[in-house]
Amino acid sequence: MRQPTTKDLAEYFRLALEAGLCSEKDIEAWADKMIADCKSDVPDWLLNLSIDGEASKNRLLDAVPGESDPGTYSNLVFAHLGRAAQVKLLTEERIVRILFRWQLNRIIPKEQEGEVYGLDDGFDGIKEGWNSLEKFRQYFAEFFAQFREFENLIPQTDSKLSA
């Protein structure tokens, strides 16, 4: 399992913020922790994440330097979405709609595209009468089970939004 880079974590936070899994205060707390751990001069992008309350967090996260791996940060977000479903922070429908929107925006890694379409179809099938809630929930649980091993890599914050 690859350890997430700072840029991977920035991409995770960008998606987590959009999904309602974290708040802007969580992003600032993450930046504050990195500043506290910094052994040299603190880069401007990190200071901006910590103290610039007026700027768009998406823009500031996008400015974090480095390379990201979509598989790595997606694993973190999927793990967090799965946990959010377990603790009822987000409904299954909300999660399916978030994933489908990301699918349309080409954010979902190719390895999960079919499964995300399956979740969306399965949920719609309940309303259309060709799928049962029980079958959908089984598929939903199986999809998120593959990401449980990444839960320990989700950045910990004090936010009640963090599942």
C-alpha atoms as a PDB file:
ATOM      1  CA  MET A   1       0.000   0.000   0.000  1.00  0.00           C
ATOM      2  CA  ARG A   2       1.447   3.329  -1.111  1.00  0.00           C
ATOM      3  CA  GLN A   3       1.613   6.101   1.496  1.00  0.00           C
ATOM      4  CA  PRO A   4      -0.208   9.214   0.287  1.00  0.00           C
ATOM      5  CA  THR A   5       1.902  12.208  -0.705  1.00  0.00           C
ATOM      6  CA  THR A   6       1.062  15.742   0.373  1.00  0.00           C
ATOM      7  CA  LYS A   7      -0.475  16.307  -3.064  1.00  0.00           C
ATOM      8  CA  ASP A   8      -2.547  13.105  -2.685  1.00  0.00           C
ATOM      9  CA  LEU A   9      -3.842  14.439   0.632  1.00  0.00           C
ATOM     10  CA  ALA A  10      -4.629  17.804  -0.957  1.00  0.00           C
ATOM     11  CA  GLU A  11      -6.686  16.025  -3.639  1.00  0.00           C
ATOM     12  CA  TYR A  12      -8.366  13.901  -0.944  1.00  0.00           C
ATOM     13  CA  PHE A  13      -9.325  17.060   0.976  1.00  0.00           C
ATOM     14  CA  ARG A  14     -10.631  18.714  -2.202  1.00  0.00           C
ATOM     15  CA  LEU A  15     -12.984  15.794  -2.853  1.00  0.00           C
ATOM     16  CA  ALA A  16     -13.840  15.300   0.826  1.00  0.00           C
ATOM     17  CA  LEU A  17     -14.815  18.960   1.108  1.00  0.00           C
ATOM     18  CA  GLU A  18     -17.035  18.666  -1.968  1.00  0.00           C
ATOM     19  CA  ALA A  19     -18.682  15.524  -0.568  1.00  0.00           C
ATOM     20  CA  GLY A  20     -19.304  17.053   2.850  1.00  0.00           C
ATOM     21  CA  LEU A  21     -16.851  14.729   4.603  1.00  0.00           C
ATOM     22  CA  CYS A  22     -14.733  17.557   5.970  1.00  0.00           C
ATOM     23  CA  SER A  23     -14.894  21.282   6.548  1.00  0.00           C
ATOM     24  CA  GLU A  24     -12.599  24.154   5.654  1.00  0.00           C
ATOM     25  CA  LYS A  25     -11.516  24.153   9.320  1.00  0.00           C
ATOM     26  CA  ASP A  26     -10.328  20.543   8.857  1.00  0.00           C
ATOM     27  CA  ILE A  27      -8.153  21.636   5.943  1.00  0.00           C
ATOM     28  CA  GLU A  28      -6.737  24.472   8.018  1.00  0.00           C
ATOM     29  CA  ALA A  29      -6.035  22.064  10.897  1.00  0.00           C
ATOM     30  CA  TRP A  30      -4.216  19.715   8.488  1.00  0.00           C
ATOM     31  CA  ALA A  31      -2.102  22.641   7.254  1.00  0.00           C
ATOM     32  CA  ASP A  32      -1.422  23.769  10.838  1.00  0.00           C
ATOM     33  CA  LYS A  33      -0.166  20.293  11.726  1.00  0.00           C
ATOM     34  CA  MET A  34       2.163  20.282   8.715  1.00  0.00           C
ATOM     35  CA  ILE A  35       3.455  23.730   9.711  1.00  0.00           C
ATOM     36  CA  ALA A  36       4.149  22.482  13.236  1.00  0.00           C
ATOM     37  CA  ASP A  37       6.062  19.508  11.782  1.00  0.00           C
ATOM     38  CA  CYS A  38       8.012  21.694   9.318  1.00  0.00           C
ATOM     39  CA  LYS A  39      11.762  21.667  10.000  1.00  0.00           C
ATOM     40  CA  SER A  40      12.619  24.445   7.532  1.00  0.00           C
ATOM     41  CA  ASP A  41      10.983  27.559   6.103  1.00  0.00           C
ATOM     42  CA  VAL A  42       7.239  27.138   5.711  1.00  0.00           C
ATOM     43  CA  PRO A  43       6.230  27.337   2.038  1.00  0.00           C
ATOM     44  CA  ASP A  44       3.735  30.020   0.985  1.00  0.00           C
ATOM     45  CA  TRP A  45       1.173  27.484  -0.248  1.00  0.00           C
ATOM     46  CA  LEU A  46       1.096  25.907   3.221  1.00  0.00           C
ATOM     47  CA  LEU A  47       0.740  29.251   5.003  1.00  0.00           C
ATOM     48  CA  ASN A  48      -2.097  30.160   2.651  1.00  0.00           C
ATOM     49  CA  LEU A  49      -3.928  26.920   3.432  1.00  0.00           C
ATOM     50  CA  SER A  50      -3.568  27.616   7.131  1.00  0.00           C
ATOM     51  CA  ILE A  51      -4.475  31.292   7.377  1.00  0.00           C
ATOM     52  CA  ASP A  52      -6.186  32.509   4.191  1.00  0.00           C
ATOM     53  CA  GLY A  53      -9.839  32.287   5.175  1.00  0.00           C
ATOM     54  CA  GLU A  54     -10.990  34.365   2.206  1.00  0.00           C
ATOM     55  CA  ALA A  55      -9.508  32.308  -0.630  1.00  0.00           C
ATOM     56  CA  SER A  56     -11.165  29.299  -2.188  1.00  0.00           C
ATOM     57  CA  LYS A  57      -9.913  26.137  -0.492  1.00  0.00           C
ATOM     58  CA  ASN A  58     -10.177  24.325  -3.831  1.00  0.00           C
ATOM     59  CA  ARG A  59      -7.829  26.849  -5.415  1.00  0.00           C
ATOM     60  CA  LEU A  60      -5.413  26.626  -2.487  1.00  0.00           C
ATOM     61  CA  LEU A  61      -5.461  22.807  -2.521  1.00  0.00           C
ATOM     62  CA  ASP A  62      -4.880  22.843  -6.267  1.00  0.00           C
ATOM     63  CA  ALA A  63      -1.769  24.998  -5.646  1.00  0.00           C
ATOM     64  CA  VAL A  64      -0.153  22.334  -3.446  1.00  0.00           C
ATOM     65  CA  PRO A  65       2.958  21.258  -5.378  1.00  0.00           C
ATOM     66  CA  GLY A  66       3.825  17.720  -6.295  1.00  0.00           C
ATOM     67  CA  GLU A  67       2.411  14.727  -8.072  1.00  0.00           C
ATOM     68  CA  SER A  68      -0.748  12.924  -7.105  1.00  0.00           C
ATOM     69  CA  ASP A  69      -1.960   9.445  -7.833  1.00  0.00           C
ATOM     70  CA  PRO A  70      -5.709   9.230  -8.511  1.00  0.00           C
ATOM     71  CA  GLY A  71      -5.800   5.677  -7.191  1.00  0.00           C
ATOM     72  CA  THR A  72      -4.272   6.726  -3.874  1.00  0.00           C
ATOM     73  CA  TYR A  73      -6.479   9.702  -3.107  1.00  0.00           C
ATOM     74  CA  SER A  74      -9.574   7.924  -4.461  1.00  0.00           C
ATOM     75  CA  ASN A  75      -8.926   5.031  -2.075  1.00  0.00           C
ATOM     76  CA  LEU A  76      -8.926   7.519   0.817  1.00  0.00           C
ATOM     77  CA  VAL A  77     -12.134   9.210  -0.315  1.00  0.00           C
ATOM     78  CA  PHE A  78     -13.877   5.880  -0.963  1.00  0.00           C
ATOM     79  CA  ALA A  79     -12.807   4.641   2.472  1.00  0.00           C
ATOM     80  CA  HIS A  80     -14.173   7.813   4.049  1.00  0.00           C
ATOM     81  CA  LEU A  81     -17.451   7.582   2.106  1.00  0.00           C
ATOM     82  CA  GLY A  82     -17.839   3.975   3.232  1.00  0.00           C
ATOM     83  CA  ARG A  83     -17.274   4.965   6.839  1.00  0.00           C
ATOM     84  CA  ALA A  84     -19.690   7.898   6.459  1.00  0.00           C
ATOM     85  CA  ALA A  85     -22.372   5.449   5.302  1.00  0.00           C
ATOM     86  CA  GLN A  86     -21.720   3.129   8.238  1.00  0.00           C
ATOM     87  CA  VAL A  87     -22.139   5.904  10.816  1.00  0.00           C
ATOM     88  CA  LYS A  88     -25.068   7.441   8.891  1.00  0.00           C
ATOM     89  CA  LEU A  89     -23.235  10.731   8.254  1.00  0.00           C
ATOM     90  CA  LEU A  90     -24.361  10.525   4.619  1.00  0.00           C
ATOM     91  CA  THR A  91     -27.220   8.513   3.136  1.00  0.00           C
ATOM     92  CA  GLU A  92     -26.608   5.789   0.600  1.00  0.00           C
ATOM     93  CA  GLU A  93     -28.478   7.849  -1.974  1.00  0.00           C
ATOM     94  CA  ARG A  94     -26.287  10.911  -1.326  1.00  0.00           C
ATOM     95  CA  ILE A  95     -23.139   8.803  -1.688  1.00  0.00           C
ATOM     96  CA  VAL A  96     -24.349   7.219  -4.927  1.00  0.00           C
ATOM     97  CA  ARG A  97     -25.181  10.661  -6.341  1.00  0.00           C
ATOM     98  CA  ILE A  98     -21.744  12.027  -5.356  1.00  0.00           C
ATOM     99  CA  LEU A  99     -20.013   9.064  -6.994  1.00  0.00           C
ATOM    100  CA  PHE A 100     -22.107   9.346 -10.142  1.00  0.00           C
ATOM    101  CA  ARG A 101     -21.359  13.084 -10.455  1.00  0.00           C
ATOM    102  CA  TRP A 102     -17.648  12.302 -10.070  1.00  0.00           C
ATOM    103  CA  GLN A 103     -18.050   9.583 -12.698  1.00  0.00           C
ATOM    104  CA  LEU A 104     -19.490  12.102 -15.146  1.00  0.00           C
ATOM    105  CA  ASN A 105     -16.649  14.517 -14.320  1.00  0.00           C
ATOM    106  CA  ARG A 106     -14.056  11.747 -14.941  1.00  0.00           C
ATOM    107  CA  ILE A 107     -12.792  11.770 -11.356  1.00  0.00           C
ATOM    108  CA  ILE A 108     -13.457   8.069 -10.689  1.00  0.00           C
ATOM    109  CA  PRO A 109     -10.482   5.824 -11.543  1.00  0.00           C
ATOM    110  CA  LYS A 110     -11.090   3.463 -14.456  1.00  0.00           C
ATOM    111  CA  GLU A 111     -10.870   0.446 -12.108  1.00  0.00           C
ATOM    112  CA  GLN A 112     -14.041   1.562 -10.301  1.00  0.00           C
ATOM    113  CA  GLU A 113     -16.047   3.016 -13.200  1.00  0.00           C
ATOM    114  CA  GLY A 114     -18.144  -0.090 -13.752  1.00  0.00           C
ATOM    115  CA  GLU A 115     -18.844  -0.512 -10.056  1.00  0.00           C
ATOM    116  CA  VAL A 116     -19.946   3.115  -9.718  1.00  0.00           C
ATOM    117  CA  TYR A 117     -22.310   2.709 -12.669  1.00  0.00           C
ATOM    118  CA  GLY A 118     -23.554  -0.468 -10.991  1.00  0.00           C
ATOM    119  CA  LEU A 119     -24.272   1.409  -7.752  1.00  0.00           C
ATOM    120  CA  ASP A 120     -26.175   4.109  -9.626  1.00  0.00           C
ATOM    121  CA  ASP A 121     -28.156   1.571 -11.672  1.00  0.00           C
ATOM    122  CA  GLY A 122     -28.841  -0.549  -8.605  1.00  0.00           C
ATOM    123  CA  PHE A 123     -30.159   2.414  -6.658  1.00  0.00           C
ATOM    124  CA  ASP A 124     -32.339   3.559  -9.549  1.00  0.00           C
ATOM    125  CA  GLY A 125     -33.538  -0.039  -9.927  1.00  0.00           C
ATOM    126  CA  ILE A 126     -35.086   0.094  -6.463  1.00  0.00           C
ATOM    127  CA  LYS A 127     -37.306   2.989  -7.548  1.00  0.00           C
ATOM    128  CA  GLU A 128     -38.092   1.280 -10.864  1.00  0.00           C
ATOM    129  CA  GLY A 129     -38.963  -2.017  -9.161  1.00  0.00           C
ATOM    130  CA  TRP A 130     -36.380  -4.334 -10.745  1.00  0.00           C
ATOM    131  CA  ASN A 131     -33.943  -4.286  -7.795  1.00  0.00           C
ATOM    132  CA  SER A 132     -34.448  -4.797  -4.090  1.00  0.00           C
ATOM    133  CA  LEU A 133     -33.113  -2.616  -1.305  1.00  0.00           C
ATOM    134  CA  GLU A 134     -31.458  -5.709   0.168  1.00  0.00           C
ATOM    135  CA  LYS A 135     -29.551  -6.497  -3.054  1.00  0.00           C
ATOM    136  CA  PHE A 136     -28.526  -2.859  -3.456  1.00  0.00           C
ATOM    137  CA  ARG A 137     -27.238  -2.679   0.122  1.00  0.00           C
ATOM    138  CA  GLN A 138     -25.270  -5.890  -0.367  1.00  0.00           C
ATOM    139  CA  TYR A 139     -23.607  -4.478  -3.517  1.00  0.00           C
ATOM    140  CA  PHE A 140     -23.036  -1.131  -1.765  1.00  0.00           C
ATOM    141  CA  ALA A 141     -21.365  -2.861   1.208  1.00  0.00           C
ATOM    142  CA  GLU A 142     -19.217  -5.034  -1.082  1.00  0.00           C
ATOM    143  CA  PHE A 143     -18.054  -1.987  -3.041  1.00  0.00           C
ATOM    144  CA  PHE A 144     -16.929  -0.106   0.065  1.00  0.00           C
ATOM    145  CA  ALA A 145     -15.462  -3.178   1.802  1.00  0.00           C
ATOM    146  CA  GLN A 146     -12.525  -3.134  -0.634  1.00  0.00           C
ATOM    147  CA  PHE A 147     -11.469   0.277   0.738  1.00  0.00           C
ATOM    148  CA  ARG A 148     -11.573  -0.478   4.488  1.00  0.00           C
ATOM    149  CA  GLU A 149      -7.835  -1.123   4.574  1.00  0.00           C
ATOM    150  CA  PHE A 150      -7.304   2.556   3.683  1.00  0.00           C
ATOM    151  CA  GLU A 151      -9.335   3.929   6.605  1.00  0.00           C
ATOM    152  CA  ASN A 152      -6.242   4.237   8.799  1.00  0.00           C
ATOM    153  CA  LEU A 153      -4.713   6.608   6.183  1.00  0.00           C
ATOM    154  CA  ILE A 154      -7.617   9.083   6.297  1.00  0.00           C
ATOM    155  CA  PRO A 155      -6.333  12.304   7.880  1.00  0.00           C
ATOM    156  CA  GLN A 156      -7.717  12.602  11.390  1.00  0.00           C
ATOM    157  CA  THR A 157      -9.385  15.853  12.354  1.00  0.00           C
ATOM    158  CA  ASP A 158     -11.463  17.019  15.275  1.00  0.00           C
ATOM    159  CA  SER A 159     -14.438  17.702  13.047  1.00  0.00           C
ATOM    160  CA  LYS A 160     -17.746  15.998  13.659  1.00  0.00           C
ATOM    161  CA  LEU A 161     -17.926  15.637   9.867  1.00  0.00           C
ATOM    162  CA  SER A 162     -15.068  13.150   9.938  1.00  0.00           C
ATOM    163  CA  ALA A 163     -16.586   9.741  10.292  1.00  0.00           C
END
